[in-house]
Amino acid sequence: MSEVRLEPVFYRLSSKDVPAVDDWRIQRFRMHEAISEPYQITLEVASEEHDIEVDELLGASVEIALTRGTAPETSVMGVVAGIDWLGVSLDRHTRLRLDIRPAFALLEQRVHSRLWQDASPIQIIEEILGELSEYGREVATSDVARGRDLRSYCVQFRESDFAFVCRLLEEEGIGYYFAHDEGAGHEILTLFDNNKALPWAANVDASPQFPVIIHNPDEVEVESVQAVEWRRRLRSTGALRRDFDWMMPTNLLSSEVGEPDERGRTRRVYVHGHRQLETDDGATRAQDLVAAEAVAGMRGHGRGNATGFRAGHVIDIEGHDLIELDDELVLVRVEHEGENVWNGSSLEGVGYRNYFECVPRTKDLRPAQRTPKPRVHGPQTAIVCGSEGEEIDVDKHGRIRVQFYWQEDPTYDVRSSCWVRVAQSWAGPGWGAQFIPRIGMEVVVEFLEGNPDRPLVTGCVYNGDNPPPFALPGDKTQSGIRTSSSPGGGGSNELRFEDSAGAEEIYLHAQKDWTIETLHDKNQSVGNDESHSVGHDRSKTVGHDETISVGNDQTISVGKDETETVGNNLTLTVAKDQRVTIGNNQTVTIASNRAETIGASATETVAITKVVTVGAAMQVSVGAALNQSVGAASAEEVGAIKSVTVGADHKDEAGGSRTIEAGKDFIVKAAKKGTLQTGEALGIMTSDKLSMNADKDMMIGSNAKGMFEFKDELRLKCGKAQIVLAKSGDVTITGATITVKGSKNVVVKGSKVQSN
């Protein structure tokens, strides 16, 4: 009979939370563990107690110690997640089955919908796993370099904390295993992204070597591997990752890695739109995918009795014939089985064995992306939010921030979400439509491919706080746009369409200014009336010609001043009558000549005074009659010469006095007869000589009396005959023959009468 040299394994249960379990017997031990998976321990125990408080044990931390002779004790730890009561055995022991998990697995029972901004995956994971402190647990992240880059936006949506952490680790290519720290008294979740950081498993002699011993392994003093084989499977050999970065829309981010298999064949996986981009890390992610596929296609499988085998630990197998296993190997999966056989209070038999999978340590261990990312099915609504004091909070890309109703701790500020792009009806390079949702509005948000990390605002909806701009259902025929002045409100711009039959209308309202710019033609047709009302000034500039055609009447009313400036000529044609009424003064200034043509009559009425000033010459030509009527005074001043030419008769008539003054000579000339007639006395005065001359006869007569009065002398002369009347009273008659006749008497009186 062979000698047993390898000590058996004994199992012991203890708990600092429930000390009573220290006396319980372990009958069966099962443990399943793998890299990047929470382990599960199934433990069948027996107790002499029959009044066990199950609730007291549920959730308690426990430790299972595996002892082999004098070798260091190996322990696994966890939290009691489930208890099954199996009844009472024949020896009157209460039998229980315990389900033991790491505290990390309990995060499956915590589901959240929340988000982070400007945080790295490691920071997010540390924050979430920090909540395990209530279980007395911790997480070790010091050995990882990945996952340190900040993500501007990261969402946990209807997702357990466990699934969310696993997904982040898988996206970043970070694995994890559990270190059962006897000093700390609990398991430690340990992250890694490099196989060099993985610990070694220890044999009972503290070495990492485990020989292959197929027969009678108990006769050897060390733990060993009883069976080992190498398995290969065809897997994908390459990966192409492609993402769209809206900041560089014409440059698709593509990364392709991988090599053909031994037969030169390529089996490529195409992945696109997988995660929110922060940096172009597509090559790294594609390489991680290929690495995970490669490791899944090459595995060492074995069976052994080493109690120190743990997922995530490194071993060295000796004495095999497989060249693939010559390297240091990483245990990626281990299943432990053990039992204690009791007979009453005596332990009659023990056993331990494990089944494991391993891969060469030289291969990158990247977790497969098994955890599905949650998808948002269908659109959602959210409230626009932003910086305090703002009504419109937007960045240069037209993005806004929103507050989702499902967030557990809403803040309604810049922390509510990342910048979210807003879909517009048109979006081109510097042109398109632009309507920015404002703070307080309810918007419709959809998620690209259902990805909660990629929100997109696609519309707006009215709600109890934000009613439609046109009252409904009364104004149901109205459509349009009404904006709101910002900040402060109180005003709006509006474009409204009224489609009520018979009352159709397009209404356009500008709260302040309205600017229209037409680079070429503008055509406007009004079928009926058009009205323009300008509350203040109006300016109109026409660069070339302007034509205004009025089919009937035109009325222009100016409340105060009107100024019209014409750079060149102005032509005004009135087919019939024109009437100009001026309430006060009118000034017409003509820089050069003026010609006025009237087809028929012209009437000018001046109520008071009229002054006509001509700097040089003035000519008035009247083809027929000219009639000027002045109700009061009329004054005309000519700086130089004035000439009036009348083709036929000319009549000047004054209702009162009339004065004609000349600074120098005054000439009145008639080609034929001339008549000077007054209704009463007529006086002719001159400060110098007065001459009256006729080429033919001259006649001076009066129907009444007549008198010639001169101060010094009066001389009447005809040829050689003359009569002189001197102021002295002398009268001298000189002539050749003087004849005095009287039909009656001739009287001659004097102091002296002399005759020849």
Foldseek 3Di string as FASTA:
>chain_A
DFDQQWFFKAKAKAFPQDRVRRPKHWFKWKKKDFKQDWIKIKTKIWALDDPDDVVSQAQTKMKMWIDIPPFDIDIAIFTFHDKDFPQADPLGITMIITIGIHLLVVLQVAWAWAKDAFAFLVRVLQVLCVVCVVVVAHEADVADPWRHGTDRMDIRHRGGNSLRNSLSQQQRQKIWFWDQDVVSRHIYIYIHQALVPFAAFQKSVGDQEAEADQPPQSSDHIWHWNDKDKFFDDFAFKEKEWEADVVCRVDIQIAIDGFAPPVRDGRYYYHYPPDDDDDSCRNVSRVLQNLQRRQVGIKMKTKIFGPRDGQRHWHQYPDDDDPQRRAIKGWRIKMKIKGFDDDNPDTDDIDIMMMTMIHHSVGGDGDDSPRDADFDPDKAKWFWAEAPPFFADADPQLWTATAGPRHPDTDRYPRRGRGAAEDFPFDDDVDDDDDRDTGGWMFIWDAVVRHPRHIYTYGTDADPVRDDPDDPPVQVQKDWDWDFDPDPGPFIWIWMFHDDPPPTDTDTDDRDDDDDDDPDDDDDDDPDDDDDDDPDDDDDDDPDDDDDDDPDDDDDDDPDDDDDDDPDDDDDDDPDDDDDDDPDDDDDDDPDDDDDDDPDADEDEDAEEDEDEDAAEDEDADPDDHDYDYNYDYDYDYPDDYDYDYPDDDDDDDPDDDDDDDPDDDDDDDPDDDDDDDPDDDDDDDPDDDDDDDPDDDDDDDPDDDDDDDQAKDWADDPQWIWIQGNVGDIDTDDDDDDDDDPDDDDDDDPDDDDD
